[in-house]
Protein backbone atom coordinates (compact mmCIF):
# COMPACT_ATOMS: atom_id res chain seq x y z
CA MET A 1 15.32 15.89 -15.79
CA THR A 2 14.77 13.52 -18.60
CA ASP A 3 14.92 10.90 -15.74
CA GLN A 4 12.83 12.57 -12.99
CA LYS A 5 10.12 12.59 -15.46
CA PRO A 6 9.88 8.57 -16.55
CA ALA A 7 9.98 7.26 -12.43
CA SER A 8 7.77 10.22 -11.45
CA ALA A 9 5.52 9.21 -14.22
CA GLU A 10 5.67 5.31 -12.81
CA THR A 11 5.16 6.09 -9.49
CA SER A 12 1.87 7.40 -10.55
CA ARG A 13 0.85 4.46 -12.73
CA LYS A 14 1.75 2.52 -9.52
CA ASN A 15 -0.29 4.92 -7.68
CA ILE A 16 -3.43 4.21 -9.76
CA TRP A 17 -2.93 0.46 -9.13
CA ARG A 18 -2.75 0.87 -5.45
CA ILE A 19 -6.00 2.89 -5.08
CA LEU A 20 -8.09 1.21 -8.06
CA PRO A 21 -8.94 -2.20 -5.36
CA GLY A 22 -10.31 0.56 -3.17
CA ILE A 23 -11.82 2.55 -5.47
CA LEU A 24 -13.61 -0.48 -6.52
CA VAL A 25 -15.03 -1.73 -3.22
CA SER A 26 -16.61 1.78 -3.01
CA LEU A 27 -18.40 1.88 -5.97
CA VAL A 28 -19.66 -1.41 -5.72
CA ALA A 29 -21.02 -0.69 -1.74
CA LEU A 30 -22.60 2.83 -3.34
CA GLY A 31 -24.35 0.58 -6.42
CA VAL A 32 -25.68 -2.35 -3.88
CA LEU A 33 -26.95 1.37 -1.97
CA PHE A 34 -28.63 2.89 -4.77
CA SER A 35 -30.19 -0.03 -6.54
CA LEU A 36 -31.99 -0.55 -2.97
CA ILE A 37 -33.34 2.81 -2.39
CA ASP A 38 -35.98 4.16 -3.39
CA TRP A 39 -34.86 7.99 -3.23
CA GLN A 40 -38.17 9.34 -2.63
CA VAL A 41 -38.62 8.01 0.62
CA PHE A 42 -34.85 8.66 1.12
CA VAL A 43 -35.67 12.54 0.41
CA VAL A 44 -38.57 12.10 3.08
CA ALA A 45 -36.75 10.55 5.54
CA LEU A 46 -34.00 12.82 5.69
CA THR A 47 -36.06 16.12 5.31
CA ARG A 48 -38.54 14.53 9.04
CA ALA A 49 -35.61 13.73 10.95
CA ASN A 50 -35.04 15.34 14.07
CA TYR A 51 -32.07 17.23 13.99
CA ARG A 52 -32.30 18.73 17.66
CA TYR A 53 -30.85 15.31 17.99
CA LEU A 54 -27.85 16.54 15.88
CA LEU A 55 -27.21 19.55 18.60
CA LEU A 56 -27.48 16.72 21.61
CA ALA A 57 -24.65 14.88 20.21
CA LEU A 58 -21.99 17.72 19.15
CA PRO A 59 -20.53 18.14 22.83
CA ILE A 60 -20.30 13.77 23.73
CA TYR A 61 -18.83 13.49 20.33
CA ILE A 62 -16.40 16.13 20.63
CA VAL A 63 -15.44 14.99 24.62
CA SER A 64 -15.07 11.36 23.19
CA TYR A 65 -12.17 11.82 20.95
CA MET A 66 -10.48 14.11 23.48
CA VAL A 67 -10.64 10.73 25.65
CA ARG A 68 -9.43 8.67 22.85
CA SER A 69 -6.16 10.74 22.43
CA ARG A 70 -6.03 10.63 26.23
CA GLY A 71 -5.60 6.59 25.41
CA TRP A 72 -3.07 7.78 22.61
CA TYR A 73 -0.70 9.93 25.03
CA ILE A 74 -0.68 7.28 27.26
CA LEU A 75 0.91 4.52 24.54
CA LEU A 76 3.10 7.17 23.99
CA MET A 77 4.60 7.14 27.30
CA GLU A 78 3.13 10.74 28.22
CA GLU A 79 6.43 12.09 26.31
CA ALA A 80 4.60 14.26 23.80
CA PRO A 81 2.04 17.15 24.79
CA TYR A 82 -1.22 16.25 25.35
CA LYS A 83 -2.95 18.93 22.86
CA LEU A 84 -0.12 17.83 20.38
CA VAL A 85 -1.21 14.33 20.59
CA TYR A 86 -4.92 15.68 20.12
CA LEU A 87 -4.29 17.76 17.13
CA THR A 88 -1.91 15.23 15.43
CA GLU A 89 -4.49 12.57 15.70
CA GLN A 90 -7.42 14.94 14.22
CA ALA A 91 -5.08 16.10 11.19
CA GLY A 92 -4.83 12.18 10.98
CA TYR A 93 -8.93 11.54 10.43
CA LEU A 94 -8.36 14.75 7.79
CA MET A 95 -6.11 13.05 5.79
CA ASN A 96 -7.79 9.46 6.31
CA ASN A 97 -10.73 11.65 4.61
CA VAL A 98 -8.92 13.27 1.81
CA LEU A 99 -5.91 11.51 0.41
CA PRO A 100 -5.88 8.11 -0.61
CA PHE A 101 -4.03 4.45 0.71
CA ARG A 102 -5.10 5.31 4.41
CA LEU A 103 -2.67 7.91 5.01
CA GLY A 104 -3.70 9.75 7.47
CA GLU A 105 -2.25 6.89 10.16
CA LEU A 106 1.12 7.80 8.87
CA GLY A 107 0.52 11.12 8.36
CA ARG A 108 -0.33 11.28 11.75
CA ALA A 109 2.76 9.69 13.19
CA ALA A 110 5.30 11.89 10.88
CA LEU A 111 3.36 15.04 12.42
CA LEU A 112 4.21 13.55 15.50
CA GLY A 113 7.92 12.22 14.76
CA ARG A 114 8.97 15.51 13.73
CA HIS A 115 8.91 16.77 17.15
CA GLY A 116 11.33 14.68 18.84
CA LEU A 117 9.54 11.15 18.65
CA GLY A 118 10.83 9.58 15.68
CA PHE A 119 8.21 8.43 12.92
CA TRP A 120 8.12 4.72 13.13
CA ARG A 121 7.96 4.21 17.32
CA VAL A 122 4.71 7.06 16.04
CA PHE A 123 3.72 4.36 13.96
CA SER A 124 4.34 1.11 16.48
CA THR A 125 1.90 3.28 18.75
CA ILE A 126 -0.92 3.64 16.43
CA ILE A 127 -1.02 -0.08 15.29
CA VAL A 128 -1.61 -0.72 19.41
CA GLU A 129 -4.23 1.20 19.40
CA ARG A 130 -5.61 0.52 16.50
CA ALA A 131 -5.72 -2.85 17.17
CA PHE A 132 -7.08 -1.71 21.00
CA ASP A 133 -9.25 -0.63 17.75
CA MET A 134 -10.16 -3.69 16.92
CA ILE A 135 -10.58 -6.28 19.57
CA ILE A 136 -13.43 -3.59 21.01
CA ALA A 137 -15.55 -3.98 18.08
CA ALA A 138 -15.04 -8.09 18.06
CA GLY A 139 -15.90 -8.26 21.12
CA LEU A 140 -19.29 -5.93 20.88
CA LEU A 141 -20.30 -7.55 17.65
CA LEU A 142 -19.76 -10.93 20.03
CA GLY A 143 -21.66 -10.01 22.86
CA SER A 144 -23.99 -7.45 20.65
CA LEU A 145 -25.07 -11.08 19.04
CA ALA A 146 -26.16 -13.03 21.65
CA LEU A 147 -29.17 -10.44 21.65
CA VAL A 148 -29.50 -10.90 17.93
CA VAL A 149 -30.67 -13.56 16.26
CA ASP A 150 -30.56 -14.78 12.43
CA VAL A 151 -27.60 -13.68 11.73
CA PRO A 152 -25.63 -15.93 9.75
CA GLY A 153 -22.27 -16.24 9.88
CA ALA A 154 -21.92 -12.95 11.60
CA GLN A 155 -20.78 -14.72 14.49
CA GLN A 156 -18.06 -16.58 12.82
CA VAL A 157 -16.91 -13.30 11.15
CA GLY A 158 -16.53 -11.78 15.05
CA ILE A 159 -14.58 -14.84 16.12
CA ILE A 160 -12.44 -14.77 13.39
CA VAL A 161 -11.47 -10.70 13.80
CA GLY A 162 -11.32 -11.37 17.21
CA LEU A 163 -8.66 -14.02 16.81
CA ILE A 164 -6.60 -12.79 14.45
CA VAL A 165 -6.50 -9.12 15.69
CA LEU A 166 -5.75 -11.18 19.48
CA ALA A 167 -3.33 -12.72 18.01
CA GLY A 168 -2.17 -10.00 16.19
CA MET A 169 -2.19 -8.05 19.65
CA TYR A 170 0.49 -10.89 21.07
CA ALA A 171 2.64 -10.89 18.51
CA LEU A 172 3.48 -7.23 18.91
CA TYR A 173 3.40 -8.06 22.71
CA LEU A 174 6.83 -11.12 21.74
CA LEU A 175 8.58 -8.47 19.71
CA ALA A 176 8.11 -6.06 22.55
CA ARG A 177 9.08 -8.11 25.32
CA TYR A 178 12.25 -9.66 23.47
CA GLN A 179 13.57 -6.49 21.87
CA GLU A 180 17.12 -7.83 21.73
CA ARG A 181 16.59 -11.06 20.62
CA VAL A 182 14.80 -9.40 17.63
CA LEU A 183 17.47 -6.88 17.09
CA THR A 184 19.74 -9.95 16.68
CA TRP A 185 18.12 -12.04 14.19
CA PHE A 186 17.87 -8.46 11.91
CA GLU A 187 20.88 -8.19 12.06
CA ARG A 188 21.87 -12.04 11.19
CA LEU A 189 19.36 -11.83 8.51
CA GLY A 190 20.57 -8.80 7.26
CA LYS A 191 23.97 -10.54 6.60
CA ARG A 192 22.36 -13.12 4.60
CA TRP A 193 19.97 -10.69 2.70
CA PRO A 194 21.41 -7.15 2.93
CA ARG A 195 18.71 -5.04 1.00
CA LEU A 196 16.44 -5.82 4.70
CA ILE A 197 19.78 -3.50 6.26
CA GLU A 198 17.90 -0.74 4.24
CA LEU A 199 15.48 -0.98 6.84
CA GLY A 200 17.69 0.37 9.38
CA ARG A 201 18.71 -0.79 13.02
CA GLU A 202 17.40 3.06 14.38
CA ARG A 203 14.23 2.05 12.66
CA LEU A 204 13.74 -1.02 13.77
CA THR A 205 14.77 -0.26 17.65
CA SER A 206 12.54 3.00 16.83
CA PHE A 207 9.59 0.69 16.59
CA LEU A 208 10.08 -1.86 19.04
CA ILE A 209 10.61 1.01 21.93
CA GLY A 210 7.03 2.41 20.56
CA LEU A 211 5.39 -1.54 21.49
CA LYS A 212 7.04 -1.10 25.25
CA PRO A 213 3.31 -0.35 27.12
CA LEU A 214 2.37 -3.50 26.17
CA THR A 215 5.34 -5.09 28.52
CA ASP A 216 3.27 -2.25 31.06
CA PHE A 217 0.27 -4.19 32.72
CA ARG A 218 -0.60 -0.81 34.31
CA ARG A 219 -0.18 0.93 31.16
CA PHE A 220 -2.09 -1.35 29.11
CA VAL A 221 -5.29 -1.12 31.26
CA ARG A 222 -4.96 2.05 31.49
CA VAL A 223 -5.04 2.59 27.95
CA LEU A 224 -7.96 -0.35 27.22
CA LEU A 225 -9.85 1.73 29.47
CA TRP A 226 -9.50 4.91 27.48
CA ILE A 227 -9.97 3.94 24.68
CA GLY A 228 -12.98 1.51 25.70
CA ALA A 229 -14.40 4.85 27.43
CA SER A 230 -14.02 6.34 23.95
CA TRP A 231 -16.17 3.76 22.00
CA GLY A 232 -18.98 4.52 24.79
CA MET A 233 -19.14 7.96 24.22
CA ALA A 234 -18.72 7.11 20.60
CA ILE A 235 -21.99 4.99 20.90
CA LEU A 236 -23.72 7.28 22.78
CA SER A 237 -23.33 9.96 20.92
CA HIS A 238 -24.05 8.05 17.18
CA TYR A 239 -27.35 6.74 19.08
CA LEU A 240 -28.38 10.39 19.50
CA ILE A 241 -27.85 10.87 15.82
CA MET A 242 -29.52 7.88 14.62
CA LEU A 243 -32.70 8.60 17.04
CA ALA A 244 -33.19 11.66 14.97
CA PHE A 245 -33.47 9.23 12.38
CA ILE A 246 -34.64 6.40 13.90
CA PRO A 247 -36.70 7.26 16.73
CA GLU A 248 -37.82 3.62 17.52
CA ALA A 249 -34.21 2.84 17.60
CA THR A 250 -32.18 1.12 20.71
CA LEU A 251 -28.86 1.47 21.93
CA LEU A 252 -28.21 -2.73 21.06
CA TRP A 253 -28.90 -1.56 17.59
CA MET A 254 -25.78 1.25 17.42
CA VAL A 255 -23.61 -1.15 19.40
CA PHE A 256 -24.08 -3.97 16.82
CA ALA A 257 -24.03 -1.24 13.87
CA ILE A 258 -21.19 0.37 14.72
CA SER A 259 -19.32 -2.74 15.43
CA VAL A 260 -20.11 -4.10 11.96
CA ALA A 261 -19.13 -0.70 10.71
CA MET A 262 -15.75 -0.03 12.18
CA ILE A 263 -15.15 -4.25 10.60
CA GLY A 264 -16.88 -2.45 7.67
CA VAL A 265 -14.28 0.34 7.59
CA ALA A 266 -11.37 -1.98 7.37
CA LEU A 267 -12.08 -3.06 3.97
CA PRO A 268 -10.29 -1.29 0.98
CA SER A 269 -12.36 1.82 0.08
CA SER A 270 -11.82 4.95 -1.02
CA PRO A 271 -10.67 8.50 0.79
CA GLY A 272 -13.45 9.53 3.63
CA PHE A 273 -14.54 5.69 3.13
CA ILE A 274 -17.18 7.18 1.13
CA GLY A 275 -20.18 3.49 0.62
CA VAL A 276 -18.65 1.27 2.91
CA TYR A 277 -19.39 3.54 5.42
CA GLU A 278 -23.03 4.04 4.45
CA ALA A 279 -23.74 0.34 3.39
CA ALA A 280 -21.98 -1.36 6.68
CA TYR A 281 -24.38 0.79 8.63
CA VAL A 282 -27.78 0.00 6.05
CA GLY A 283 -26.53 -3.34 6.14
CA ALA A 284 -26.06 -3.61 9.94
CA LEU A 285 -29.73 -1.49 10.49
CA SER A 286 -31.35 -3.87 8.13
CA VAL A 287 -30.79 -7.14 10.44
CA PHE A 288 -33.71 -4.69 13.21
CA GLY A 289 -35.86 -4.35 10.15
CA VAL A 290 -35.36 -0.76 9.61
CA SER A 291 -35.91 0.54 6.72
CA TYR A 292 -33.02 1.08 4.02
CA GLU A 293 -34.00 5.02 3.49
CA SER A 294 -34.19 5.73 7.02
CA ALA A 295 -31.03 3.30 7.42
CA LEU A 296 -28.93 5.45 4.84
CA ALA A 297 -30.38 8.79 5.96
CA PHE A 298 -29.15 8.08 9.58
CA ALA A 299 -25.36 6.66 7.91
CA LEU A 300 -24.90 9.41 5.08
CA VAL A 301 -25.69 12.70 7.73
CA ASP A 302 -23.51 10.51 10.50
CA HIS A 303 -20.99 10.50 8.28
CA VAL A 304 -21.15 14.26 7.31
CA TYR A 305 -20.86 15.04 11.18
CA TYR A 306 -17.86 13.16 11.16
CA ILE A 307 -16.03 14.15 8.18
CA GLY A 308 -16.65 17.95 8.77
CA LEU A 309 -15.90 17.95 12.86
CA THR A 310 -12.46 16.22 12.11
CA GLY A 311 -12.35 18.31 9.11
CA ILE A 312 -12.10 21.75 11.41
CA VAL A 313 -10.12 20.83 13.50
CA GLY A 314 -7.28 18.73 11.16
CA ALA A 315 -7.45 21.73 9.41
CA TYR A 316 -6.65 23.58 12.43
CA ALA A 317 -3.61 21.14 13.67
CA LEU A 318 -2.47 21.55 10.14
CA PHE A 319 -2.45 25.24 10.44
CA ARG A 320 -0.90 25.20 13.35
CA GLU A 321 2.28 22.49 12.01
CA GLY A 322 2.74 25.24 8.91
CA LEU A 323 2.29 22.41 6.80
CA SER A 324 -0.30 21.51 3.88
CA LEU A 325 -1.71 18.04 2.73
CA SER A 326 0.88 17.57 0.42
CA GLN A 327 3.89 18.74 2.59
CA VAL A 328 2.33 15.75 5.02
CA ALA A 329 2.32 12.65 2.29
CA GLN A 330 5.48 14.34 1.19
CA ARG A 331 7.23 13.29 4.77
CA VAL A 332 5.80 10.63 4.94
CA GLN A 333 7.04 8.93 1.46
CA GLN A 334 10.32 10.81 2.61
CA GLU A 335 9.86 8.39 6.20
CA ARG A 336 9.49 5.07 4.17
CA ALA A 337 12.32 5.72 2.07
CA GLY A 338 14.47 6.29 4.67
CA GLU A 339 15.28 9.74 3.80
CA LYS A 340 15.72 13.03 5.90
CA SER A 341 13.47 15.87 6.24
């Protein structure tokens, strides 16, 4: 017992240092927002909003996540029930909102992996799914920039993000295409650096199997279409919420803003992207002359909308699995450490 306490304290210190950069980024974002906002004007923007738009957005918002889960279901080669895939994805969003280190992605890999697919295989499909997201976000940013003037540096950022993600996707394709070579190289490296063997051939094999859809062109296109459709529905639902606070907004504003926000929340931040989410939207909408107060009112309500809806379904998903957030986090640590639960 005496040996466990120092180890636990050391782990806690490491976790604090790991989460600190994200907390600092969120604090900086919040500080910038606080310096820009006239709070009396902000309250007026909140109280005068047409909240009926939130009701109009609700069914589209819900269906967009069902469509998105269909894409992940296809990435998983239809080897898990669709309902389970959908609920697991919602549980992942809940975990991202309340747990540090973006544990939602690892958490859903642990949740779905326990149903026979394995953690590392599921995790590889999540990486591919997120790569699709970044490609679409970069594409939307570049496409909308053609219609948005006087945005210094944004086009270069979009191009860089797009090229990095495409390079990453191609690297994943090569891993999937040449699995045997990768495993052979791994074993050779393992002889020179025995610690690599700790990762384990089985875990690497599972990871590579999860990348297999990248070598099937038809399946690749189907995944892209489903995830693309979910993006289209998400843009429409978020646009309806935007109209509640910014009646003059156009669909172009939403396309540009959501692509900036998606890239923005990829930065380190506190759980739930607090501050970063709002700052990304405020910055993007300021390009169109939207007041900081109206933009923040929209971003804040939109954020709460997202957290509330995904939180309700995510909580049900965890209840259905009979697990708590702490138990899922523990499972993630076990998988990463190579322990058997």
